[in-house]
Protein backbone atom coordinates (compact mmCIF):
# COMPACT_ATOMS: atom_id res chain seq x y z
CA MET A 1 0.03 0.03 0.29
CA ARG A 2 2.55 2.47 0.73
CA PRO A 3 4.20 2.46 -2.66
CA SER A 4 0.90 2.86 -4.20
CA TRP A 5 0.27 6.07 -2.00
CA ILE A 6 4.01 7.56 -2.77
CA ILE A 7 3.06 6.76 -6.32
CA ALA A 8 -0.25 8.86 -6.64
CA LEU A 9 1.23 11.49 -4.39
CA LEU A 10 3.76 12.09 -6.92
CA ILE A 11 1.16 11.68 -9.72
CA ALA A 12 -0.68 15.09 -8.11
CA SER A 13 2.47 17.33 -7.59
CA CYS A 14 3.59 16.56 -10.84
CA GLY A 15 -0.35 17.75 -12.35
CA LEU A 16 0.30 20.96 -9.63
CA ILE A 17 3.00 21.79 -11.23
CA LEU A 18 2.09 21.65 -14.70
CA LEU A 19 -1.51 23.09 -13.76
CA LEU A 20 1.14 26.42 -11.98
CA LYS A 21 3.36 26.36 -14.87
CA GLU A 22 0.43 26.93 -17.21
CA ASN A 23 -0.73 29.78 -15.25
CA SER A 24 2.37 31.47 -14.09
CA SER A 25 1.14 34.84 -15.24
CA SER A 26 -2.13 35.28 -13.80
CA PHE A 27 -0.75 33.39 -10.59
CA ASN A 28 1.94 36.21 -10.16
CA LEU A 29 -0.60 38.81 -11.18
CA PHE A 30 -2.38 37.35 -8.02
CA LEU A 31 0.51 37.52 -5.88
CA LEU A 32 1.64 40.97 -6.69
CA SER A 33 -2.00 42.69 -6.35
CA ASN A 34 -1.87 40.82 -2.80
CA LEU A 35 1.78 42.06 -2.17
CA ARG A 36 0.85 45.52 -3.28
CA PRO A 37 1.20 48.51 -0.72
CA ARG A 38 -1.98 49.49 1.02
CA ALA A 39 -1.51 53.51 0.56
CA PRO A 40 -0.43 53.72 -3.69
CA GLU A 41 1.47 57.24 -2.64
CA ASP A 42 3.52 54.69 -0.56
CA LEU A 43 4.78 52.74 -3.89
CA ILE A 44 5.23 56.07 -5.83
CA ALA A 45 7.50 57.75 -3.13
CA ILE A 46 9.38 54.40 -3.02
CA ARG A 47 10.05 54.46 -7.08
CA GLU A 48 10.60 58.06 -6.75
CA ALA A 49 13.26 57.66 -4.29
CA ILE A 50 14.69 54.75 -6.16
CA ALA A 51 15.01 55.87 -9.53
CA SER A 52 16.86 59.18 -7.77
CA TYR A 53 19.34 56.95 -5.96
CA GLN A 54 22.95 56.74 -7.32
CA VAL A 55 24.63 53.62 -6.72
CA PRO A 56 27.83 54.66 -4.53
CA PRO A 57 30.79 53.72 -6.31
CA ARG A 58 32.53 50.58 -5.07
CA VAL A 59 35.35 50.71 -2.69
CA ASP A 60 38.10 48.31 -3.16
CA PRO A 61 39.24 46.94 -0.05
CA ASN A 62 42.90 46.14 -0.92
CA ARG A 63 44.03 49.17 -1.99
CA ALA A 64 45.70 51.36 0.48
CA LEU A 65 44.33 54.51 -0.28
CA SER A 66 40.97 55.71 -1.45
CA ARG A 67 39.46 59.28 -2.70
CA ILE A 68 35.83 58.26 -3.19
CA PRO A 69 34.54 60.36 -0.47
CA ARG A 70 32.90 58.31 2.55
CA ILE A 71 29.70 61.12 3.35
CA ARG A 72 27.75 61.47 0.31
CA ASN A 73 24.46 62.90 -0.44
CA SER A 74 22.06 59.88 0.04
CA THR A 75 18.58 59.37 -0.37
CA SER A 76 18.67 56.19 1.49
CA ASP A 77 18.42 57.54 4.94
CA ALA A 78 14.80 59.21 4.09
CA LEU A 79 13.32 55.94 2.33
CA PRO A 80 10.79 53.51 4.50
CA GLN A 81 12.34 50.36 5.37
CA PRO A 82 11.41 47.86 3.02
CA SER A 83 13.49 49.93 0.35
CA CYS A 84 16.88 48.22 1.83
CA LEU A 85 15.47 45.23 -0.31
CA LYS A 86 15.21 47.09 -3.57
CA LEU A 87 18.20 49.10 -3.74
CA PRO A 88 21.46 48.34 -5.30
CA SER A 89 24.61 47.31 -3.13
CA ASN A 90 28.21 48.02 -3.90
CA GLY A 91 29.40 45.22 -1.56
CA ILE A 92 30.89 47.53 1.09
CA ASP A 93 29.06 50.92 1.56
CA ASP A 94 25.24 49.85 1.91
CA ASP A 95 23.94 53.42 3.12
CA CYS A 96 20.16 51.95 3.57
CA TRP A 97 21.34 49.13 5.71
CA ASN A 98 23.82 51.32 7.76
CA ALA A 99 20.89 54.07 8.41
CA LEU A 100 18.45 51.20 9.23
CA ARG A 101 21.02 49.45 11.66
CA ARG A 102 22.10 52.50 13.24
CA ASP A 103 18.37 54.12 13.73
CA GLN A 104 17.21 50.52 15.31
CA TYR A 105 20.28 50.58 17.71
CA LEU A 106 19.79 54.29 18.94
CA ARG A 107 16.40 53.42 19.77
CA THR A 108 17.61 50.79 22.22
CA LEU A 109 19.90 53.33 23.77
CA ASP A 110 17.15 55.59 24.57
CA GLU A 111 15.29 52.71 26.38
CA LEU A 112 17.98 51.79 27.77
CA TYR A 113 19.00 55.17 29.23
CA GLN A 114 16.24 55.57 30.83
CA SER A 115 15.69 52.27 32.34
CA PRO A 116 15.66 51.93 36.56
CA ASP A 117 19.35 51.28 37.42
CA GLU A 118 18.94 47.53 38.81
CA GLU A 119 18.19 47.19 35.33
CA LEU A 120 21.27 48.39 34.00
CA GLU A 121 23.31 46.66 37.01
CA ARG A 122 24.63 43.66 34.16
CA PHE A 123 26.47 46.33 32.29
CA LYS A 124 28.69 47.51 35.12
CA PRO A 125 32.28 46.78 34.34
CA ASN A 126 33.86 43.71 36.47
CA SER A 127 35.90 41.15 34.63
CA ASN A 128 33.93 39.90 31.69
CA TRP A 129 33.50 43.02 29.24
CA GLN A 130 29.79 43.47 30.01
CA ILE A 131 30.23 47.16 29.47
CA PHE A 132 31.23 47.03 26.36
CA ASP A 133 27.80 44.76 25.43
CA LEU A 134 26.44 48.58 25.22
CA ILE A 135 28.56 49.23 21.84
CA THR A 136 27.30 47.56 18.76
CA PRO A 137 28.60 48.07 15.20
CA THR A 138 26.24 49.26 12.81
CA TYR A 139 28.38 50.30 9.87
CA HIS A 140 28.95 47.59 7.44
CA CYS A 141 32.54 46.34 7.53
CA ASP A 142 33.13 42.81 6.84
CA ALA A 143 35.78 40.61 6.79
CA ASN A 144 37.02 41.08 3.53
CA SER A 145 37.58 44.95 3.74
CA LEU A 146 38.95 44.38 7.53
CA GLN A 147 42.90 45.06 8.06
CA ARG A 148 44.82 44.73 10.93
CA ILE A 149 47.73 47.23 11.10
CA GLY A 150 51.01 47.02 13.03
CA ALA A 151 52.29 44.67 16.08
CA SER A 152 49.94 41.97 17.00
CA GLY A 153 48.87 42.56 20.60
CA ASP A 154 48.32 45.94 22.28
CA GLY A 155 50.59 47.89 19.52
CA GLY A 156 48.50 46.95 15.90
CA LYS A 157 45.11 48.42 15.16
CA TRP A 158 42.08 47.41 12.98
CA LEU A 159 41.51 49.23 9.81
CA CYS A 160 38.26 49.47 8.08
CA GLY A 161 39.06 49.24 4.37
CA PRO A 162 41.42 51.52 2.37
CA ILE A 163 42.05 55.03 4.02
CA ARG A 164 40.01 57.83 2.78
CA VAL A 165 42.13 60.75 1.58
CA VAL A 166 39.60 63.56 2.20
CA GLY A 167 41.87 66.51 1.14
CA PRO A 168 44.65 67.62 -0.64
CA LYS A 169 46.84 64.84 0.80
CA CYS A 170 46.66 61.90 3.02
CA VAL A 171 47.23 62.88 6.39
CA VAL A 172 47.35 60.60 9.72
CA PHE A 173 47.40 61.51 13.57
CA SER A 174 48.68 59.32 15.95
CA LEU A 175 47.81 60.07 19.79
CA GLY A 176 49.87 58.00 22.17
CA SER A 177 53.42 57.15 21.96
CA ASN A 178 55.68 56.00 24.91
CA ASN A 179 58.33 55.86 22.55
CA GLN A 180 56.73 52.71 20.49
CA PHE A 181 55.76 53.31 16.38
CA ASP A 182 54.96 50.41 15.18
CA PHE A 183 51.47 51.70 13.85
CA GLU A 184 53.36 54.38 12.14
CA GLU A 185 55.89 52.16 10.69
CA ALA A 186 53.45 50.19 9.41
CA ILE A 187 50.66 52.63 8.05
CA HIS A 188 54.15 53.87 6.32
CA ALA A 189 54.77 50.78 4.84
CA HIS A 190 51.16 50.12 3.88
CA THR A 191 50.65 53.18 2.10
CA ASN A 192 54.16 52.87 0.68
CA GLY A 193 54.97 56.57 2.54
CA GLU A 194 51.81 58.31 0.73
CA CYS A 195 50.74 59.42 3.87
CA GLU A 196 51.67 62.25 6.55
CA ILE A 197 52.20 61.05 9.66
CA HIS A 198 52.29 63.17 12.75
CA THR A 199 52.48 61.47 16.50
CA PHE A 200 51.48 63.40 19.60
CA ASP A 201 52.67 62.66 22.98
CA CYS A 202 52.87 65.26 25.89
CA THR A 203 54.20 62.72 28.16
CA GLY A 204 57.86 62.61 26.56
CA GLU A 205 60.03 63.62 23.73
CA TRP A 206 61.17 60.31 20.91
CA SER A 207 61.61 60.60 17.41
CA ASN A 208 60.95 58.05 14.34
CA PRO A 209 62.27 58.80 10.79
CA LYS A 210 58.60 57.72 9.76
CA THR A 211 56.74 60.05 11.35
CA SER A 212 56.65 63.70 12.68
CA PHE A 213 56.75 63.95 16.22
CA HIS A 214 55.29 66.43 18.44
CA PRO A 215 55.46 67.02 22.25
CA TRP A 216 51.51 67.82 23.24
CA CYS A 217 48.29 66.15 23.78
CA LEU A 218 45.27 66.74 21.98
CA GLY A 219 41.99 67.55 24.06
CA GLY A 220 39.58 70.00 24.50
CA PHE A 221 41.47 73.17 25.36
CA ASP A 222 44.67 75.16 24.74
CA GLY A 223 47.22 75.53 27.38
CA LYS A 224 48.90 73.81 29.97
CA ASP A 225 47.46 71.03 32.61
CA GLU A 226 48.26 70.66 36.31
CA ASN A 227 51.37 68.90 35.67
CA GLY A 228 52.66 71.39 32.88
CA ARG A 229 52.25 69.36 30.19
CA THR A 230 51.44 71.01 26.61
CA PHE A 231 47.37 70.08 25.19
CA LYS A 232 45.91 71.82 22.32
CA ARG A 233 42.31 71.15 20.62
CA LEU A 234 42.69 68.86 17.31
CA SER A 235 42.37 72.02 15.16
CA THR A 236 44.83 73.96 16.71
CA ALA A 237 47.56 71.15 16.57
CA ALA A 238 46.27 71.01 12.99
CA ARG A 239 46.77 74.35 11.75
CA GLU A 240 50.03 75.14 13.73
CA ILE A 241 51.65 71.80 11.22
CA GLY A 242 49.85 72.88 8.27
CA VAL A 243 47.04 70.34 7.87
CA THR A 244 43.55 70.81 6.69
CA SER A 245 42.02 67.45 7.02
CA ILE A 246 42.93 63.96 8.35
CA SER A 247 42.29 60.72 7.21
CA LEU A 248 42.76 58.89 10.14
CA LEU A 249 43.15 59.13 13.74
CA LYS A 250 44.92 56.25 15.62
CA MET A 251 44.61 56.92 19.64
CA ASP A 252 45.92 54.66 22.42
CA ILE A 253 45.95 57.25 25.25
CA GLU A 254 45.10 55.15 28.53
CA HIS A 255 41.83 56.50 29.69
CA GLY A 256 42.42 60.60 27.65
CA GLU A 257 39.97 59.35 24.85
CA TYR A 258 37.00 60.47 26.85
CA GLU A 259 38.38 63.88 27.10
CA VAL A 260 39.77 63.87 23.45
CA PHE A 261 36.20 63.05 22.29
CA GLU A 262 34.84 65.60 24.56
CA GLY A 263 36.87 68.47 22.64
CA PHE A 264 36.08 66.88 19.36
CA LYS A 265 32.14 67.81 19.80
CA PHE A 266 33.26 71.50 19.79
CA GLU A 267 35.43 70.80 16.57
CA GLU A 268 34.98 72.46 13.39
CA GLU A 269 33.77 69.97 10.77
CA GLU A 270 36.53 69.90 8.34
CA PHE A 271 38.86 68.59 10.97
CA LEU A 272 36.96 65.65 12.01
CA PRO A 273 39.06 62.42 11.16
CA ASP A 274 37.58 60.07 8.10
CA GLN A 275 38.02 57.11 10.37
CA ILE A 276 39.19 56.73 14.41
CA LEU A 277 41.02 53.73 15.43
CA PHE A 278 40.98 54.07 19.66
CA GLU A 279 41.19 51.87 22.79
CA LEU A 280 38.54 52.35 24.97
CA HIS A 281 39.10 51.74 28.92
CA THR A 282 37.07 51.11 31.55
CA LEU A 283 38.81 50.70 34.54
CA PHE A 284 39.34 54.49 35.91
CA TYR A 285 36.45 56.66 35.79
CA PRO A 286 36.31 60.03 33.73
CA THR A 287 35.45 62.27 36.30
CA LYS A 288 36.31 64.93 34.06
CA THR A 289 34.04 64.27 31.43
CA SER A 290 31.18 62.34 32.63
CA LYS A 291 28.28 63.89 34.69
CA HIS A 292 26.59 60.38 35.87
CA LYS A 293 28.84 59.95 39.37
CA SER A 294 30.30 56.45 38.92
CA ASP A 295 27.68 55.33 36.63
CA TRP A 296 29.70 53.80 33.75
CA PRO A 297 26.48 52.55 31.57
CA ARG A 298 25.21 55.94 31.13
CA THR A 299 28.65 57.42 30.65
CA ILE A 300 29.27 55.14 27.87
CA MET A 301 26.05 55.62 26.23
CA ASP A 302 27.09 59.32 26.41
CA LEU A 303 29.81 58.86 25.10
CA VAL A 304 28.16 56.95 22.44
CA ARG A 305 25.67 59.15 21.41
CA ASP A 306 28.19 62.04 21.22
CA ILE A 307 30.12 59.82 18.72
CA ASP A 308 27.23 59.15 16.79
CA GLU A 309 26.15 63.54 16.82
CA MET A 310 29.99 64.15 15.11
CA GLY A 311 28.68 61.60 12.07
CA TYR A 312 30.65 58.42 13.20
CA SER A 313 29.47 55.00 13.27
CA PHE A 314 30.86 52.16 15.04
CA ALA A 315 32.26 49.72 12.25
CA PHE A 316 34.27 46.94 13.95
CA GLN A 317 34.74 46.15 17.85
CA GLU A 318 37.96 43.82 19.69
CA LYS A 319 37.66 43.17 23.39
CA ASN A 320 41.22 43.05 24.53
CA LEU A 321 41.56 39.70 25.69
CA PHE A 322 44.67 40.88 27.87
CA CYS A 323 42.80 43.79 29.72
CA PRO A 324 39.05 42.86 30.86
CA ALA A 325 38.51 46.61 30.99
CA CYS A 326 39.82 47.81 27.64
CA SER A 327 38.10 47.20 24.17
CA GLU A 328 39.21 48.06 20.68
CA HIS A 329 36.92 50.24 18.44
CA VAL A 330 36.99 51.22 14.85
CA ILE A 331 34.41 53.96 14.15
CA VAL A 332 33.99 56.25 10.38
CA ARG A 333 32.46 58.94 9.29
CA ASN A 334 29.65 58.34 6.79
CA ARG A 335 27.53 61.63 8.23
CA LYS A 336 27.58 65.34 8.82
CA LYS A 337 27.61 66.49 12.30
CA LEU A 338 24.37 66.79 14.17
CA LYS A 339 23.57 70.56 14.52
CA LYS A 340 21.10 69.56 17.84
CA ARG A 341 22.15 67.89 20.51
CA SER A 342 20.25 64.88 21.99
CA LEU A 343 18.47 63.56 24.83
CA PHE A 344 21.65 62.75 26.54
CA HIS A 345 22.94 66.55 26.73
């Protein structure tokens, strides 16, 4: 009995396939009529937006440098969410999906920020990097476009795709040295010496043939601190050394990153670097920049919101296996700086 039932089932299936094949046109029309948006004006808006959308040029991640701008005048941010499935992609810079991921991530941060303290307890730093769970990459930078620059371990950094030349020349700023120049030497080799490299560190004076060294630290003011060390704002330092735009900034300055980002909030648009590679530390509380009195979760969310409002998106995260209070991050600037401050400030 079983074989006969199987044969009957096969015959019935073949008949159904032939029937659908003969009536494929009417069947497709039936599907389209039922999947069509209820509001005709929505369909018209999507069609017009797609027609005006310019496919961003493909960026070759294997090239060391690129002059294709990351910030583009794109219609994708204004499109309804389903349009991401209809827009063409260049394989690396998917504006529509980046905007969708960012929107959902920021909505989640808004909810978390206003949550009771007990609900944020699990994010507080201890021994397993959980504070960094609050940071989620939203910019598409897949494995094909990620590159490790510099020595293994604490010295090297991850790079998202080629270095964008955003001005007349490629300029790289490196914050923090301690007489270790493996990153600068690796960047010089990676770009065949085409980038002008500047290293900043106010804790000592060193030299290396691959970079110009400056005994300054970058921060939110111009002047000397209580220890007599020289601090300069990003734009001040850039103007003094004849730089008008910065392609790449690397930062590993042991908790000083909070003050640097605080200063960046008030910088002029043209001086903000295209890509920033930095290590974030949560061992010592940043009392100078945070208003939360040892509230780590909201301090990190404040930092994320500040970074977002400067036009940056997180593209990559690597937790430092040798330091549970340290995490490496890559942020790229793919939007203009926001004019309005968020509810976080």
